[in-house]
Amino acid sequence: MSYIDGFVAPVREEKKQAYLDMAAKAAPIFREYGALRVVEGWGNDLPHGKTTDFFLAVKAEDGENVVFSWIVWPDKATRDAGWEKVMADERMKPEGDMPFDGKRMFWGGFDPIVDEGEG
């Protein structure tokens, strides 16, 4: 069964292109090391809640949006080996400042429990 890594991060609106550039550079590297699919989503329909929401989850500040991303792997073993290779790959070294606040980003690994449809 496949395995999924999920990520949520705050990104300043003016850093959208820098984030896109970073993500576009990283995606093929993840694919090279076994990822089946890499998806980056820029928030455009994120309601503000009273108890919780995407903005509250990352403590978003004025002028920030939220990115929701996931990587699909064939299985957890491939994911674990792939991440080790990605982190050691020189191409993944940051070029300048990161376009998001990593301290307010959160992530985790998931076993799919329902997977309907294509992709």
C-alpha atoms as a PDB file:
ATOM      1  CA  MET A   1       0.000   0.000   0.000  1.00  0.00           C
ATOM      2  CA  SER A   2       1.191   3.546  -0.707  1.00  0.00           C
ATOM      3  CA  TYR A   3       2.408   6.030   1.892  1.00  0.00           C
ATOM      4  CA  ILE A   4       1.796   9.790   2.029  1.00  0.00           C
ATOM      5  CA  ASP A   5       3.779  12.676   3.477  1.00  0.00           C
ATOM      6  CA  GLY A   6       1.700  15.803   4.146  1.00  0.00           C
ATOM      7  CA  PHE A   7       2.883  19.368   4.797  1.00  0.00           C
ATOM      8  CA  VAL A   8       1.245  22.669   5.709  1.00  0.00           C
ATOM      9  CA  ALA A   9       3.278  25.894   5.746  1.00  0.00           C
ATOM     10  CA  PRO A  10       2.757  29.663   5.864  1.00  0.00           C
ATOM     11  CA  VAL A  11       4.170  31.609   2.911  1.00  0.00           C
ATOM     12  CA  ARG A  12       4.178  35.386   2.478  1.00  0.00           C
ATOM     13  CA  GLU A  13       2.177  36.404  -0.580  1.00  0.00           C
ATOM     14  CA  GLU A  14       5.177  38.205  -2.074  1.00  0.00           C
ATOM     15  CA  LYS A  15       7.237  35.004  -1.767  1.00  0.00           C
ATOM     16  CA  LYS A  16       4.812  32.878  -3.781  1.00  0.00           C
ATOM     17  CA  GLN A  17       7.091  32.771  -6.838  1.00  0.00           C
ATOM     18  CA  ALA A  18      10.151  31.942  -4.722  1.00  0.00           C
ATOM     19  CA  TYR A  19       8.180  29.109  -3.103  1.00  0.00           C
ATOM     20  CA  LEU A  20       7.015  27.874  -6.507  1.00  0.00           C
ATOM     21  CA  ASP A  21      10.599  27.948  -7.814  1.00  0.00           C
ATOM     22  CA  MET A  22      11.817  25.959  -4.788  1.00  0.00           C
ATOM     23  CA  ALA A  23       8.988  23.419  -5.103  1.00  0.00           C
ATOM     24  CA  ALA A  24       9.509  23.019  -8.860  1.00  0.00           C
ATOM     25  CA  LYS A  25      13.200  22.349  -8.244  1.00  0.00           C
ATOM     26  CA  ALA A  26      12.528  19.805  -5.477  1.00  0.00           C
ATOM     27  CA  ALA A  27       9.680  17.818  -7.068  1.00  0.00           C
ATOM     28  CA  PRO A  28      11.742  16.003  -9.723  1.00  0.00           C
ATOM     29  CA  ILE A  29      14.366  15.148  -7.108  1.00  0.00           C
ATOM     30  CA  PHE A  30      11.707  13.505  -4.938  1.00  0.00           C
ATOM     31  CA  ARG A  31      10.479  11.646  -8.030  1.00  0.00           C
ATOM     32  CA  GLU A  32      14.032  10.533  -8.819  1.00  0.00           C
ATOM     33  CA  TYR A  33      14.240   8.957  -5.352  1.00  0.00           C
ATOM     34  CA  GLY A  34      10.980   7.059  -5.575  1.00  0.00           C
ATOM     35  CA  ALA A  35       8.054   9.443  -5.033  1.00  0.00           C
ATOM     36  CA  LEU A  36       5.109   8.675  -7.285  1.00  0.00           C
ATOM     37  CA  ARG A  37       3.547  12.111  -7.073  1.00  0.00           C
ATOM     38  CA  VAL A  38       4.371  15.531  -5.605  1.00  0.00           C
ATOM     39  CA  VAL A  39       1.557  18.067  -5.168  1.00  0.00           C
ATOM     40  CA  GLU A  40       1.842  21.684  -3.977  1.00  0.00           C
ATOM     41  CA  GLY A  41      -1.367  23.627  -3.357  1.00  0.00           C
ATOM     42  CA  TRP A  42      -1.603  27.416  -2.871  1.00  0.00           C
ATOM     43  CA  GLY A  43      -4.572  28.294  -0.646  1.00  0.00           C
ATOM     44  CA  ASN A  44      -7.410  30.118  -2.408  1.00  0.00           C
ATOM     45  CA  ASP A  45     -10.563  29.001  -0.566  1.00  0.00           C
ATOM     46  CA  LEU A  46      -9.531  28.854   3.082  1.00  0.00           C
ATOM     47  CA  PRO A  47     -12.276  29.900   5.462  1.00  0.00           C
ATOM     48  CA  HIS A  48     -11.299  31.509   8.733  1.00  0.00           C
ATOM     49  CA  GLY A  49     -12.624  29.445  11.627  1.00  0.00           C
ATOM     50  CA  LYS A  50     -13.333  30.337  15.227  1.00  0.00           C
ATOM     51  CA  THR A  51     -11.612  27.344  16.810  1.00  0.00           C
ATOM     52  CA  THR A  52      -9.206  26.168  14.127  1.00  0.00           C
ATOM     53  CA  ASP A  53      -8.373  26.559  10.449  1.00  0.00           C
ATOM     54  CA  PHE A  54      -5.338  26.430   8.169  1.00  0.00           C
ATOM     55  CA  PHE A  55      -4.271  29.969   9.109  1.00  0.00           C
ATOM     56  CA  LEU A  56      -4.511  29.295  12.848  1.00  0.00           C
ATOM     57  CA  ALA A  57      -2.684  25.989  12.470  1.00  0.00           C
ATOM     58  CA  VAL A  58       0.442  27.738  11.150  1.00  0.00           C
ATOM     59  CA  LYS A  59      -0.090  30.967  13.110  1.00  0.00           C
ATOM     60  CA  ALA A  60      -0.296  32.834   9.802  1.00  0.00           C
ATOM     61  CA  GLU A  61       0.477  36.525   9.951  1.00  0.00           C
ATOM     62  CA  ASP A  62      -1.011  39.338   7.864  1.00  0.00           C
ATOM     63  CA  GLY A  63       0.136  38.962   4.273  1.00  0.00           C
ATOM     64  CA  GLU A  64       0.673  35.203   4.511  1.00  0.00           C
ATOM     65  CA  ASN A  65      -1.138  32.429   2.713  1.00  0.00           C
ATOM     66  CA  VAL A  66      -1.026  28.696   3.394  1.00  0.00           C
ATOM     67  CA  VAL A  67       0.512  25.981   1.240  1.00  0.00           C
ATOM     68  CA  PHE A  68      -0.844  22.440   1.513  1.00  0.00           C
ATOM     69  CA  SER A  69       1.424  19.823  -0.014  1.00  0.00           C
ATOM     70  CA  TRP A  70       1.735  16.086  -0.198  1.00  0.00           C
ATOM     71  CA  ILE A  71       4.029  13.442  -1.612  1.00  0.00           C
ATOM     72  CA  VAL A  72       2.791   9.977  -2.531  1.00  0.00           C
ATOM     73  CA  TRP A  73       5.254   7.108  -2.198  1.00  0.00           C
ATOM     74  CA  PRO A  74       4.787   3.457  -3.173  1.00  0.00           C
ATOM     75  CA  ASP A  75       5.341   2.408   0.472  1.00  0.00           C
ATOM     76  CA  LYS A  76       6.937   3.590   3.715  1.00  0.00           C
ATOM     77  CA  ALA A  77      10.254   1.812   3.061  1.00  0.00           C
ATOM     78  CA  THR A  78      10.650   3.685  -0.241  1.00  0.00           C
ATOM     79  CA  ARG A  79       9.692   6.918   1.532  1.00  0.00           C
ATOM     80  CA  ASP A  80      12.241   6.404   4.303  1.00  0.00           C
ATOM     81  CA  ALA A  81      15.026   5.597   1.831  1.00  0.00           C
ATOM     82  CA  GLY A  82      13.928   8.398  -0.499  1.00  0.00           C
ATOM     83  CA  TRP A  83      13.985  11.047   2.238  1.00  0.00           C
ATOM     84  CA  GLU A  84      17.474   9.966   3.279  1.00  0.00           C
ATOM     85  CA  LYS A  85      18.684  10.427  -0.312  1.00  0.00           C
ATOM     86  CA  VAL A  86      16.810  13.723  -0.767  1.00  0.00           C
ATOM     87  CA  MET A  87      18.331  15.190   2.389  1.00  0.00           C
ATOM     88  CA  ALA A  88      21.850  14.168   1.271  1.00  0.00           C
ATOM     89  CA  ASP A  89      21.415  15.483  -2.291  1.00  0.00           C
ATOM     90  CA  GLU A  90      23.453  18.629  -2.966  1.00  0.00           C
ATOM     91  CA  ARG A  91      20.711  19.925  -5.278  1.00  0.00           C
ATOM     92  CA  MET A  92      18.418  20.288  -2.255  1.00  0.00           C
ATOM     93  CA  LYS A  93      20.691  22.780  -0.493  1.00  0.00           C
ATOM     94  CA  PRO A  94      18.804  26.070  -0.060  1.00  0.00           C
ATOM     95  CA  GLU A  95      19.811  28.959  -2.283  1.00  0.00           C
ATOM     96  CA  GLY A  96      19.391  31.990  -0.036  1.00  0.00           C
ATOM     97  CA  ASP A  97      16.525  32.424   2.409  1.00  0.00           C
ATOM     98  CA  MET A  98      13.768  29.855   2.597  1.00  0.00           C
ATOM     99  CA  PRO A  99      10.516  31.266   1.143  1.00  0.00           C
ATOM    100  CA  PHE A 100       8.487  30.078   4.173  1.00  0.00           C
ATOM    101  CA  ASP A 101       8.784  29.985   7.958  1.00  0.00           C
ATOM    102  CA  GLY A 102       9.847  26.434   8.755  1.00  0.00           C
ATOM    103  CA  LYS A 103       9.199  26.943  12.477  1.00  0.00           C
ATOM    104  CA  ARG A 104       5.466  27.242  11.771  1.00  0.00           C
ATOM    105  CA  MET A 105       5.337  24.479   9.185  1.00  0.00           C
ATOM    106  CA  PHE A 106       4.006  21.089  10.200  1.00  0.00           C
ATOM    107  CA  TRP A 107       4.179  17.712   8.520  1.00  0.00           C
ATOM    108  CA  GLY A 108       3.587  14.037   9.018  1.00  0.00           C
ATOM    109  CA  GLY A 109       3.426  10.634   7.386  1.00  0.00           C
ATOM    110  CA  PHE A 110       0.156   8.840   6.720  1.00  0.00           C
ATOM    111  CA  ASP A 111      -1.086   5.374   5.819  1.00  0.00           C
ATOM    112  CA  PRO A 112      -3.943   5.810   3.323  1.00  0.00           C
ATOM    113  CA  ILE A 113      -7.242   4.438   4.595  1.00  0.00           C
ATOM    114  CA  VAL A 114      -9.382   5.452   1.588  1.00  0.00           C
ATOM    115  CA  ASP A 115      -7.974   6.015  -1.905  1.00  0.00           C
ATOM    116  CA  GLU A 116     -10.596   6.385  -4.657  1.00  0.00           C
ATOM    117  CA  GLY A 117     -10.043   7.644  -8.174  1.00  0.00           C
ATOM    118  CA  GLU A 118      -7.070   8.410 -10.350  1.00  0.00           C
ATOM    119  CA  GLY A 119      -3.726   9.901  -9.407  1.00  0.00           C
END
